[in-house]
Protein backbone atom coordinates (compact mmCIF):
# COMPACT_ATOMS: atom_id res chain seq x y z
CA MET A 1 73.00 100.25 139.48
CA PHE A 2 69.58 100.94 137.74
CA LEU A 3 67.20 103.80 138.14
CA ILE A 4 63.61 103.02 137.16
CA LEU A 5 61.46 106.05 136.47
CA ASP A 6 57.67 106.36 137.07
CA THR A 7 55.64 108.63 134.95
CA SER A 8 55.79 111.44 137.67
CA ALA A 9 59.66 111.41 137.43
CA LEU A 10 59.52 112.17 133.75
CA LEU A 11 56.77 114.77 134.04
CA SER A 12 58.60 116.49 136.77
CA GLY A 13 61.43 117.56 134.63
CA MET A 14 63.75 116.29 137.25
CA PHE A 15 65.66 113.99 134.80
CA ASN A 16 67.21 115.57 131.67
CA SER A 17 70.13 113.09 131.67
CA ILE A 18 71.17 109.98 133.31
CA PRO A 19 72.45 110.90 136.91
CA SER A 20 75.98 109.84 137.88
CA GLY A 21 76.22 106.66 139.86
CA TYR A 22 73.58 104.85 137.65
CA ASP A 23 74.51 102.46 134.77
CA LYS A 24 71.09 102.66 133.19
CA VAL A 25 67.72 104.41 133.43
CA LEU A 26 64.67 102.20 132.77
CA ILE A 27 61.05 102.85 132.10
CA THR A 28 58.26 100.43 131.15
CA SER A 29 56.33 100.65 127.94
CA GLY A 30 53.28 101.72 130.17
CA VAL A 31 55.21 104.68 131.38
CA ARG A 32 56.21 105.61 127.91
CA ASP A 33 52.53 105.45 126.81
CA GLU A 34 51.44 107.58 129.76
CA VAL A 35 54.06 110.20 129.02
CA GLY A 36 54.05 109.93 125.20
CA LYS A 37 50.45 110.02 124.18
CA GLY A 38 51.82 111.55 120.94
CA ALA A 39 55.23 113.22 120.79
CA PRO A 40 57.51 112.24 123.72
CA SER A 41 58.49 115.09 126.21
CA ARG A 42 61.88 116.88 125.84
CA ASN A 43 63.10 115.10 128.97
CA MET A 44 62.25 111.67 127.46
CA ALA A 45 63.90 112.52 124.18
CA ASN A 46 67.16 113.65 126.10
CA LEU A 47 67.04 110.48 128.11
CA ILE A 48 66.47 108.25 125.07
CA SER A 49 69.48 109.77 123.41
CA ALA A 50 71.48 109.16 126.52
CA GLY A 51 70.58 105.51 126.54
CA LEU A 52 67.19 105.40 128.31
CA GLU A 53 66.00 101.70 127.95
CA ILE A 54 62.28 100.64 127.78
CA ARG A 55 61.95 97.35 129.48
CA ASP A 56 59.08 95.38 130.54
CA PRO A 57 59.07 92.85 133.42
CA LEU A 58 58.59 89.15 132.45
CA ILE A 59 56.42 88.32 135.36
CA VAL A 60 54.05 90.66 137.26
CA GLU A 61 52.56 88.16 139.73
CA ARG A 62 55.20 88.77 142.47
CA ALA A 63 54.34 92.43 142.33
CA ARG A 64 50.63 91.68 142.52
CA GLU A 65 51.24 89.38 145.65
CA ALA A 66 53.27 92.10 147.31
CA ALA A 67 50.61 94.56 146.67
CA ARG A 68 48.00 92.12 148.06
CA SER A 69 49.94 91.68 151.20
CA THR A 70 50.07 95.41 151.97
CA GLY A 71 46.46 95.89 150.85
CA ASP A 72 47.28 98.37 148.06
CA ILE A 73 46.27 96.12 145.12
CA ASP A 74 42.99 97.79 144.46
CA LYS A 75 44.57 101.22 143.98
CA LEU A 76 47.47 100.22 141.78
CA SER A 77 47.39 100.45 138.03
CA GLU A 78 48.93 97.99 135.66
CA VAL A 79 51.66 100.52 135.01
CA ASP A 80 52.31 100.75 138.74
CA LEU A 81 52.53 96.96 139.03
CA SER A 82 54.86 96.71 136.06
CA LEU A 83 57.16 99.19 137.76
CA ILE A 84 57.28 97.20 141.04
CA ALA A 85 57.78 93.95 138.96
CA LEU A 86 60.65 95.52 136.99
CA ALA A 87 62.28 96.65 140.29
CA ILE A 88 61.94 93.08 141.63
CA GLU A 89 63.56 91.60 138.39
CA VAL A 90 66.41 94.05 138.22
CA ALA A 91 69.10 93.69 140.90
CA GLU A 92 70.13 96.95 142.63
CA ALA A 93 67.33 99.14 141.36
CA THR A 94 66.04 102.45 142.77
CA VAL A 95 62.54 103.53 141.67
CA VAL A 96 61.75 107.21 141.32
CA THR A 97 58.04 107.78 142.05
CA ASP A 98 55.62 110.12 143.92
CA ASP A 99 52.96 107.47 144.36
CA TYR A 100 52.63 106.58 148.00
CA ARG A 101 51.14 103.24 147.33
CA VAL A 102 53.96 102.20 145.04
CA GLN A 103 56.47 103.40 147.59
CA ASN A 104 54.57 101.43 150.33
CA VAL A 105 54.90 98.16 148.23
CA LEU A 106 58.61 98.84 147.43
CA LYS A 107 59.37 99.51 151.14
CA SER A 108 57.67 96.25 152.15
CA LEU A 109 59.91 94.53 149.65
CA GLY A 110 63.05 96.21 150.73
CA ILE A 111 63.43 98.01 147.36
CA SER A 112 64.83 101.60 147.57
CA PHE A 113 62.83 104.51 146.00
CA LEU A 114 63.36 108.24 145.74
CA PRO A 115 60.59 110.96 145.37
CA ALA A 116 60.04 112.17 141.90
CA GLY A 117 59.85 115.72 142.88
CA GLU A 118 56.74 116.57 140.80
CA ILE A 119 54.97 117.79 143.97
CA GLY A 120 58.03 118.23 146.15
CA ASP A 121 59.83 115.58 148.03
CA ARG A 122 56.84 113.21 148.65
CA THR A 123 58.00 110.09 150.36
CA ILE A 124 56.31 107.78 152.96
CA SER A 125 57.71 107.62 156.39
CA GLU A 126 56.37 104.34 157.42
CA THR A 127 54.75 101.16 155.83
CA TRP A 128 51.08 100.63 156.02
CA SER A 129 48.90 97.61 155.54
CA TRP A 130 45.37 97.63 154.65
CA THR A 131 42.31 95.39 155.47
CA HIS A 132 38.68 95.54 154.61
CA ARG A 133 35.89 95.29 157.18
CA CYS A 134 32.10 94.90 156.84
CA LYS A 135 30.23 97.76 158.63
CA GLY A 136 27.28 95.31 159.32
CA CYS A 137 28.61 91.93 160.55
CA GLY A 138 32.22 93.14 161.36
CA ARG A 139 33.96 90.51 159.16
CA PHE A 140 37.43 91.16 157.84
CA PHE A 141 38.48 90.56 154.26
CA ASP A 142 42.08 90.58 152.86
CA GLU A 143 40.80 91.44 149.45
CA PRO A 144 38.36 94.27 148.36
CA GLN A 145 34.81 92.96 147.89
CA LYS A 146 32.84 93.24 144.61
CA LYS A 147 30.85 96.49 144.68
CA ASP A 148 32.27 97.10 148.10
CA GLU A 149 29.47 94.83 149.50
CA CYS A 150 29.79 92.07 152.14
CA PRO A 151 29.18 88.67 150.77
CA ILE A 152 27.75 87.46 154.11
CA CYS A 153 25.30 90.32 155.12
CA GLY A 154 25.26 92.58 152.14
CA SER A 155 26.43 95.66 154.18
CA ILE A 156 29.11 98.19 152.97
CA VAL A 157 32.72 96.99 153.16
CA ARG A 158 35.26 99.64 154.00
CA LYS A 159 39.05 99.85 153.77
CA TYR A 160 40.89 100.32 157.13
CA ARG A 161 44.52 100.58 157.96
CA ARG A 162 45.70 97.40 159.64
CA LYS A 163 46.96 97.87 163.22
């Protein structure tokens, strides 16, 4: 079983060693870069000596598609998408993250996750999907529009929770 850590999991100080029940702890190079920005944290140094593995996903497109289907794509970073993609590629993975949007996409894919504990036990209770609607003509769009502007009438396009 694999544990995949988001940046928030490393910054929380929750992980100083590999927890029992997990074969490996993984992070992406993006997480390393977000945490590192110079000298690695003490937690990361401990995990590296215990066998922390830095692994990047081969293909991120499936993660992008999943994020598009939930409507979270416009608020997820490349690091977030790489974590989701790595969880898709690795069988029997649990992702540790406080990011609600990452949790939302993971839940839609049936991938388990745990809160990172940086800000308490932050975890979603239900999955949401998002859509975009023009305030002027009322059209719906699955994707965010450039400059949040309707290509039909030019009015503002807002993000709404899909019912």
